[in-house]
Amino acid sequence: MPSRRSARTVVVTGGSAGIGRAVGRLFAQKGCRVGVIARGEERLKDAVVDLERRGAAKAAYAVADVSNAAALEAAADHLEAELGPIEVWVNDAMLTIYSPFLDIKPEEYERITKVTYLGQVNGTRAALKRMAPRRRGSIVNVSSGLAYRGIPLQSAYCGAKFAIRGFFESIRSEIEHDDLGINMSMVHLPGINTPQFDWAPNRMPRQVQPVPPIYQPEVPARAIVRAADTGERDLYVGLPTLKLMAGTLLAPALMDRLMAIKTWKGQQTRHPVLPGRAEDEGNLFEPSPLPIAAHGRFDRRAKDRGIVLNGSELRALLFLSPFAVGAMVGLLGSALLRRRLA
C-alpha cells in the first residue's frame, strides 16, 4: 500500500452506489485518496465511512448533480482542497428509463441525456482543466456495449452512450494533438447487478432486470481501475459486450431483429411491476429513497468473473480469427431461430 504522501487522488462520479461504489472501494483498497460525487448527501457520507474502512488514505465527498457544470466545477475544487490534485477521474454517473420511446416524456428524455451524456462532458471538462496544466492524469469514461448497439426500451440511455463515444474520440484526439500526457479510456460494460433496476422509472408490465448473463459490479470495477492504471484506450467487459460488437459489425440487420425479440423480453422478469410504478419518476429528478448498495437484487444470478479484452485484443479476435467470427455469427443466427421457434 502506498504512503499517504504518494497515494493518488481519485474522483468517482456516481460514487455512492452501484458500479461507482465498487470502483471507489477498489481504489480505497489500493490506498488511494478517494473523492465521491453524487446527489444524495447521506449516501455520500455513508460511502466515505465505507471507503476509509476499506483502506483509503483519505476519503471525501461533494454533493453535485453532474448535469450542472458549475456545480461539478465547485465539487472538483472542494475535493482537490480536501484530497490534493486529482490524478484519476472516473465518469460513472448515469440515469435511464425502461420504456417504449413514445411513452417517455420529453422532460424525462432530456433529463437522462443531460445526466448520462452531459454528465460525462462536464466531468471530463472539470478533470482536464486541472490535469492539463500539470500534464498528467487519467480519465476513465464508463460506457456500455449499448454505445455500439442500441436496444429497445432504453432509447434515451443508448443515445446518450453513443454520444459519449463520439465525444470521447474527439477529446482524445485533442489530447493527442496537444501532447498533454493525459490518458483517456473508455470501458464498455454488459448487464450489471446494480440498484438502478429498482431506482429507474419502469413503464413495462413486469419488473426489469439486466439482460442475462448478469455480472457483479466488481467485474467492471476491476476493469475501470485497470484502465486508470494502464491508460488503455478501450476495455470490453464480458462476453455479451463482445457479441454485441461482433454482431453489429458483421450482421447489423440480423441484430435489429434479434434485439427486437431477445432484449425486449430479456429486460423483464416474470414478476409484475408494483402498483403505481409506471407513474413513478424513479430517481430521475431526485435521488431514490430506496436503500443504498453496490449490488442490486440479482446476487444469486450474477457472475463474479468475466472476460476483459482491450481494443487490440478485440480486433485480433474479430479480424484475425475467421473461426471466431463464424462462430459468433452462427450463435446470433441460432439465437434468432430459437426465439422464432419458441
Protein backbone atom coordinates (compact mmCIF):
# COMPACT_ATOMS: atom_id res chain seq x y z
CA MET A 1 0.00 0.00 0.00
CA PRO A 2 1.37 3.44 -0.91
CA SER A 3 2.07 6.03 1.75
CA ARG A 4 -0.38 8.88 2.28
CA ARG A 5 2.02 11.21 0.53
CA SER A 6 2.44 9.00 -2.55
CA ALA A 7 -1.23 7.89 -2.82
CA ARG A 8 -3.16 9.05 -5.87
CA THR A 9 -6.25 11.24 -5.62
CA VAL A 10 -9.20 9.63 -7.41
CA VAL A 11 -12.65 11.14 -8.04
CA VAL A 12 -15.65 8.98 -8.97
CA THR A 13 -18.95 10.49 -10.09
CA GLY A 14 -21.97 8.41 -9.17
CA GLY A 15 -19.72 7.10 -6.42
CA SER A 16 -22.29 6.45 -3.69
CA ALA A 17 -23.84 3.27 -5.14
CA GLY A 18 -23.64 0.65 -7.86
CA ILE A 19 -20.54 0.47 -10.04
CA GLY A 20 -19.23 3.78 -8.71
CA ARG A 21 -19.35 2.45 -5.16
CA ALA A 22 -17.48 -0.70 -6.23
CA VAL A 23 -14.86 1.37 -8.09
CA GLY A 24 -14.25 3.60 -5.06
CA ARG A 25 -13.77 0.54 -2.86
CA LEU A 26 -11.10 -0.91 -5.15
CA PHE A 27 -9.18 2.38 -5.24
CA ALA A 28 -9.52 2.56 -1.45
CA GLN A 29 -8.02 -0.91 -1.12
CA LYS A 30 -5.05 0.36 -3.14
CA GLY A 31 -4.52 3.10 -0.53
CA CYS A 32 -5.70 5.97 -2.73
CA ARG A 33 -7.36 9.16 -1.61
CA VAL A 34 -10.91 8.83 -2.93
CA GLY A 35 -13.49 11.53 -3.59
CA VAL A 36 -17.07 10.67 -4.48
CA ILE A 37 -19.70 12.85 -6.13
CA ALA A 38 -23.46 12.24 -6.21
CA ARG A 39 -26.75 14.00 -5.40
CA GLY A 40 -27.61 12.42 -2.03
CA GLU A 41 -25.57 13.71 0.92
CA GLU A 42 -26.47 10.93 3.37
CA ARG A 43 -25.43 8.29 0.85
CA LEU A 44 -22.17 10.12 0.26
CA LYS A 45 -21.44 10.28 3.98
CA ASP A 46 -22.02 6.53 4.17
CA ALA A 47 -19.69 5.98 1.20
CA VAL A 48 -16.89 7.99 2.84
CA VAL A 49 -17.08 5.89 6.02
CA ASP A 50 -17.05 2.73 3.89
CA LEU A 51 -14.04 3.88 1.83
CA GLU A 52 -11.95 4.80 4.84
CA ARG A 53 -12.79 1.49 6.49
CA ARG A 54 -11.56 -0.29 3.34
CA GLY A 55 -8.15 1.39 3.34
CA ALA A 56 -8.45 4.76 1.62
CA ALA A 57 -5.66 7.11 2.67
CA LYS A 58 -8.45 9.66 2.96
CA ALA A 59 -11.99 9.95 1.60
CA ALA A 60 -14.21 12.95 0.99
CA TYR A 61 -17.44 13.76 -0.80
CA ALA A 62 -19.10 16.58 -2.71
CA VAL A 63 -22.82 16.92 -3.41
CA ALA A 64 -23.45 17.77 -7.06
CA ASP A 65 -25.69 16.95 -9.99
CA VAL A 66 -23.29 16.09 -12.82
CA SER A 67 -25.62 17.71 -15.37
CA ASN A 68 -24.84 21.07 -13.74
CA ALA A 69 -21.40 22.13 -14.99
CA ALA A 70 -20.95 24.88 -12.38
CA ALA A 71 -21.87 22.52 -9.53
CA LEU A 72 -19.42 19.92 -10.80
CA GLU A 73 -16.65 22.54 -11.03
CA ALA A 74 -17.31 23.52 -7.43
CA ALA A 75 -17.26 19.84 -6.42
CA ALA A 76 -13.88 19.35 -8.11
CA ASP A 77 -12.49 22.43 -6.33
CA HIS A 78 -13.74 21.13 -2.99
CA LEU A 79 -12.28 17.65 -3.48
CA GLU A 80 -8.89 18.99 -4.56
CA ALA A 81 -8.84 21.17 -1.45
CA GLU A 82 -9.67 18.13 0.69
CA LEU A 83 -7.58 15.45 -1.03
CA GLY A 84 -4.95 17.10 -3.23
CA PRO A 85 -4.51 17.34 -7.02
CA ILE A 86 -6.85 15.00 -8.89
CA GLU A 87 -4.92 12.35 -10.79
CA VAL A 88 -7.75 9.96 -11.76
CA TRP A 89 -11.29 10.97 -12.70
CA VAL A 90 -13.97 8.30 -13.34
CA ASN A 91 -17.16 9.39 -15.12
CA ASP A 92 -19.74 6.89 -13.93
CA ALA A 93 -22.98 8.75 -13.11
CA MET A 94 -25.97 7.77 -15.26
CA LEU A 95 -29.75 7.63 -15.46
CA THR A 96 -32.10 5.53 -17.54
CA ILE A 97 -35.75 4.62 -18.02
CA TYR A 98 -37.29 1.33 -19.13
CA SER A 99 -40.00 2.27 -21.56
CA PRO A 100 -41.05 2.28 -25.22
CA PHE A 101 -39.97 5.53 -26.83
CA LEU A 102 -43.45 7.04 -27.23
CA ASP A 103 -44.20 6.54 -23.52
CA ILE A 104 -41.19 8.63 -22.43
CA LYS A 105 -42.00 12.26 -21.64
CA PRO A 106 -39.78 14.87 -23.35
CA GLU A 107 -38.55 16.17 -19.98
CA GLU A 108 -37.57 12.62 -18.96
CA TYR A 109 -35.64 12.12 -22.19
CA GLU A 110 -33.87 15.41 -21.69
CA ARG A 111 -33.02 14.60 -18.08
CA ILE A 112 -31.45 11.23 -18.95
CA THR A 113 -29.44 12.81 -21.76
CA LYS A 114 -28.19 15.61 -19.53
CA VAL A 115 -27.00 13.29 -16.77
CA THR A 116 -25.75 10.33 -18.81
CA TYR A 117 -24.14 12.28 -21.66
CA LEU A 118 -23.55 15.84 -20.47
CA GLY A 119 -22.52 14.49 -17.07
CA GLN A 120 -19.50 12.89 -18.73
CA VAL A 121 -18.85 16.03 -20.79
CA ASN A 122 -18.91 18.15 -17.63
CA GLY A 123 -16.80 15.65 -15.70
CA THR A 124 -14.20 15.48 -18.46
CA ARG A 125 -14.01 19.27 -18.58
CA ALA A 126 -13.56 19.51 -14.81
CA ALA A 127 -10.83 16.88 -14.89
CA LEU A 128 -8.97 18.26 -17.92
CA LYS A 129 -8.92 21.84 -16.59
CA ARG A 130 -6.99 20.56 -13.59
CA MET A 131 -4.86 17.90 -15.26
CA ALA A 132 -3.78 19.79 -18.39
CA PRO A 133 -1.55 22.37 -16.61
CA ARG A 134 0.13 19.50 -14.74
CA ARG A 135 0.37 17.40 -17.95
CA ARG A 136 -0.58 14.19 -16.23
CA GLY A 137 -3.67 12.28 -15.17
CA SER A 138 -6.14 9.63 -16.25
CA ILE A 139 -9.82 10.00 -17.20
CA VAL A 140 -11.99 6.89 -17.46
CA ASN A 141 -15.39 7.09 -19.12
CA VAL A 142 -17.76 4.30 -18.09
CA SER A 143 -19.69 3.18 -21.15
CA SER A 144 -21.52 0.10 -22.35
CA GLY A 145 -21.93 -2.37 -25.16
CA LEU A 146 -25.00 -0.19 -25.80
CA ALA A 147 -22.65 2.52 -27.08
CA TYR A 148 -22.30 0.32 -30.18
CA ARG A 149 -25.66 -1.46 -30.32
CA GLY A 150 -28.97 0.16 -29.37
CA ILE A 151 -31.68 -1.99 -27.83
CA PRO A 152 -35.42 -1.44 -27.34
CA LEU A 153 -36.83 0.10 -24.14
CA GLN A 154 -33.66 2.13 -23.44
CA SER A 155 -33.50 4.57 -26.34
CA ALA A 156 -32.55 7.55 -24.16
CA TYR A 157 -29.71 5.69 -22.46
CA CYS A 158 -28.44 4.14 -25.70
CA GLY A 159 -28.50 7.50 -27.47
CA ALA A 160 -26.50 9.07 -24.65
CA LYS A 161 -23.94 6.27 -24.70
CA PHE A 162 -23.49 6.61 -28.47
CA ALA A 163 -22.94 10.35 -27.95
CA ILE A 164 -20.36 9.68 -25.25
CA ARG A 165 -18.37 7.53 -27.65
CA GLY A 166 -18.21 10.31 -30.24
CA PHE A 167 -17.28 12.86 -27.59
CA PHE A 168 -14.58 10.55 -26.22
CA GLU A 169 -12.96 10.14 -29.64
CA SER A 170 -12.94 13.89 -30.27
CA ILE A 171 -11.44 14.82 -26.91
CA ARG A 172 -8.90 12.02 -27.02
CA SER A 173 -7.72 13.35 -30.39
CA GLU A 174 -7.38 16.83 -28.94
CA ILE A 175 -5.31 15.45 -26.05
CA GLU A 176 -3.08 13.70 -28.60
CA HIS A 177 -2.75 16.88 -30.65
CA ASP A 178 -1.68 18.95 -27.66
CA ASP A 179 0.57 16.18 -26.31
CA LEU A 180 -0.83 16.66 -22.82
CA GLY A 181 0.38 13.38 -21.40
CA ILE A 182 -3.12 12.59 -20.10
CA ASN A 183 -4.65 9.14 -20.56
CA MET A 184 -8.30 8.87 -21.58
CA SER A 185 -10.00 5.49 -21.57
CA MET A 186 -13.46 4.05 -22.16
CA VAL A 187 -14.76 0.87 -20.53
CA HIS A 188 -17.72 -0.88 -22.17
CA LEU A 189 -19.93 -2.96 -19.88
CA PRO A 190 -22.55 -5.73 -20.09
CA GLY A 191 -25.58 -6.02 -17.78
CA ILE A 192 -24.51 -5.37 -14.17
CA ASN A 193 -26.22 -6.19 -10.88
CA THR A 194 -26.75 -2.66 -9.52
CA PRO A 195 -29.68 -0.95 -7.77
CA GLN A 196 -30.63 1.00 -10.91
CA PHE A 197 -33.18 -1.68 -11.83
CA ASP A 198 -35.22 -0.70 -8.77
CA TRP A 199 -34.43 3.01 -8.90
CA ALA A 200 -35.10 3.80 -12.59
CA PRO A 201 -38.64 4.50 -13.87
CA ASN A 202 -40.27 1.43 -15.39
CA ARG A 203 -43.18 1.68 -17.84
CA MET A 204 -43.25 -2.03 -18.58
CA PRO A 205 -45.81 -4.52 -17.20
CA ARG A 206 -43.12 -6.54 -15.41
CA GLN A 207 -40.14 -5.76 -13.22
CA VAL A 208 -36.93 -5.07 -15.12
CA GLN A 209 -33.53 -6.71 -14.99
CA PRO A 210 -30.17 -6.61 -16.79
CA VAL A 211 -30.17 -8.71 -19.96
CA PRO A 212 -28.59 -12.02 -18.81
CA PRO A 213 -25.89 -13.05 -18.20
CA ILE A 214 -25.58 -10.62 -15.30
CA TYR A 215 -22.26 -9.59 -13.74
CA GLN A 216 -21.44 -8.29 -10.28
CA PRO A 217 -20.30 -4.63 -10.14
CA GLU A 218 -16.81 -5.70 -9.02
CA VAL A 219 -16.21 -7.13 -12.52
CA PRO A 220 -16.39 -3.75 -14.31
CA ALA A 221 -14.82 -2.04 -11.30
CA ARG A 222 -11.65 -4.08 -11.79
CA ALA A 223 -11.60 -3.11 -15.48
CA ILE A 224 -12.09 0.58 -14.64
CA VAL A 225 -9.21 0.53 -12.16
CA ARG A 226 -7.10 -1.30 -14.75
CA ALA A 227 -7.86 1.42 -17.33
CA ALA A 228 -6.85 4.12 -14.86
CA ASP A 229 -3.59 2.27 -14.17
CA THR A 230 -2.63 1.34 -17.74
CA GLY A 231 -4.22 4.07 -19.86
CA GLU A 232 -5.56 1.50 -22.35
CA ARG A 233 -7.87 3.24 -24.81
CA ASP A 234 -10.74 0.73 -24.68
CA LEU A 235 -11.67 -2.19 -22.48
CA TYR A 236 -14.58 -4.51 -23.30
CA VAL A 237 -16.05 -6.39 -20.36
CA GLY A 238 -17.99 -9.64 -20.60
CA LEU A 239 -18.91 -11.98 -23.43
CA PRO A 240 -22.24 -10.19 -24.11
CA THR A 241 -20.36 -6.97 -24.92
CA LEU A 242 -18.13 -8.84 -27.37
CA LYS A 243 -21.16 -10.44 -29.02
CA LEU A 244 -22.86 -7.07 -29.40
CA MET A 245 -19.73 -5.64 -31.01
CA ALA A 246 -19.26 -8.57 -33.38
CA GLY A 247 -22.92 -8.85 -34.32
CA THR A 248 -23.27 -5.14 -35.06
CA LEU A 249 -20.14 -5.16 -37.21
CA LEU A 250 -20.98 -8.31 -39.14
CA ALA A 251 -24.77 -8.52 -39.33
CA PRO A 252 -26.50 -5.29 -38.25
CA ALA A 253 -29.90 -6.10 -39.79
CA LEU A 254 -29.90 -9.52 -38.14
CA MET A 255 -29.03 -7.83 -34.85
CA ASP A 256 -32.01 -5.47 -35.23
CA ARG A 257 -34.34 -8.44 -35.44
CA LEU A 258 -32.60 -10.35 -32.67
CA MET A 259 -32.65 -7.38 -30.30
CA ALA A 260 -36.34 -6.77 -31.05
CA ILE A 261 -37.10 -10.24 -29.70
CA LYS A 262 -34.38 -11.10 -27.24
CA THR A 263 -33.81 -7.88 -25.34
CA TRP A 264 -37.46 -6.81 -25.14
CA LYS A 265 -38.18 -9.95 -23.14
CA GLY A 266 -34.70 -10.21 -21.66
CA GLN A 267 -35.04 -6.89 -19.81
CA GLN A 268 -38.12 -8.09 -17.92
CA THR A 269 -38.53 -10.68 -15.18
CA ARG A 270 -41.61 -12.82 -14.59
CA HIS A 271 -42.74 -10.64 -11.70
CA PRO A 272 -45.41 -7.97 -12.30
CA VAL A 273 -44.49 -4.34 -11.74
CA LEU A 274 -45.59 -2.91 -8.42
CA PRO A 275 -48.84 -0.86 -8.45
CA GLY A 276 -48.26 2.78 -9.35
CA ARG A 277 -44.70 2.15 -10.55
CA ALA A 278 -45.49 3.18 -14.14
CA GLU A 279 -46.22 6.74 -12.97
CA ASP A 280 -43.18 6.85 -10.70
CA GLU A 281 -40.36 9.17 -11.81
CA GLY A 282 -37.86 6.94 -10.01
CA ASN A 283 -34.51 8.61 -9.46
CA LEU A 284 -34.62 10.93 -12.50
CA PHE A 285 -35.18 14.20 -10.66
CA GLU A 286 -34.42 13.26 -7.07
CA PRO A 287 -32.24 10.54 -5.50
CA SER A 288 -34.15 7.32 -4.89
CA PRO A 289 -35.28 6.82 -1.27
CA LEU A 290 -34.55 3.10 -1.58
CA PRO A 291 -31.56 1.61 0.32
CA ILE A 292 -28.05 2.26 -0.99
CA ALA A 293 -25.77 -0.54 -2.12
CA ALA A 294 -23.16 -1.51 -4.66
CA HIS A 295 -25.20 -4.60 -5.56
CA GLY A 296 -28.75 -4.93 -6.79
CA ARG A 297 -31.19 -7.79 -6.17
CA PHE A 298 -29.61 -10.29 -8.56
CA ASP A 299 -26.78 -11.65 -6.39
CA ARG A 300 -27.85 -15.27 -6.85
CA ARG A 301 -27.65 -14.99 -10.62
CA ALA A 302 -24.70 -12.64 -11.06
CA LYS A 303 -21.22 -13.74 -12.14
CA ASP A 304 -18.17 -12.50 -10.24
CA ARG A 305 -15.77 -13.09 -13.16
CA GLY A 306 -15.85 -12.04 -16.79
CA ILE A 307 -13.57 -11.78 -19.81
CA VAL A 308 -11.93 -8.38 -20.40
CA LEU A 309 -10.31 -7.51 -23.73
CA ASN A 310 -8.62 -4.32 -24.80
CA GLY A 311 -9.14 -2.86 -28.26
CA SER A 312 -6.16 -4.62 -29.83
CA GLU A 313 -7.25 -7.99 -28.47
CA LEU A 314 -10.80 -7.49 -29.69
CA ARG A 315 -9.67 -6.53 -33.19
CA ALA A 316 -7.39 -9.56 -33.31
CA LEU A 317 -10.32 -11.76 -32.31
CA LEU A 318 -12.64 -10.30 -34.95
CA PHE A 319 -10.29 -9.83 -37.88
CA LEU A 320 -7.58 -12.42 -37.41
CA SER A 321 -9.70 -15.38 -36.37
CA PRO A 322 -12.21 -16.42 -39.09
CA PHE A 323 -13.32 -19.32 -36.91
CA ALA A 324 -14.22 -17.00 -34.04
CA VAL A 325 -16.11 -14.65 -36.36
CA GLY A 326 -18.00 -17.51 -37.97
CA ALA A 327 -18.90 -18.94 -34.60
CA MET A 328 -20.17 -15.55 -33.43
CA VAL A 329 -22.44 -15.13 -36.46
CA GLY A 330 -23.63 -18.71 -36.02
CA LEU A 331 -24.52 -18.02 -32.40
CA LEU A 332 -26.52 -14.95 -33.39
CA GLY A 333 -28.40 -16.81 -36.09
CA SER A 334 -29.12 -19.74 -33.80
CA ALA A 335 -30.41 -17.42 -31.10
CA LEU A 336 -32.81 -15.77 -33.54
CA LEU A 337 -34.04 -19.14 -34.81
CA ARG A 338 -34.62 -20.42 -31.29
CA ARG A 339 -36.64 -17.32 -30.45
CA ARG A 340 -38.80 -17.79 -33.53
CA LEU A 341 -39.48 -21.42 -32.70
CA ALA A 342 -40.17 -20.74 -29.01
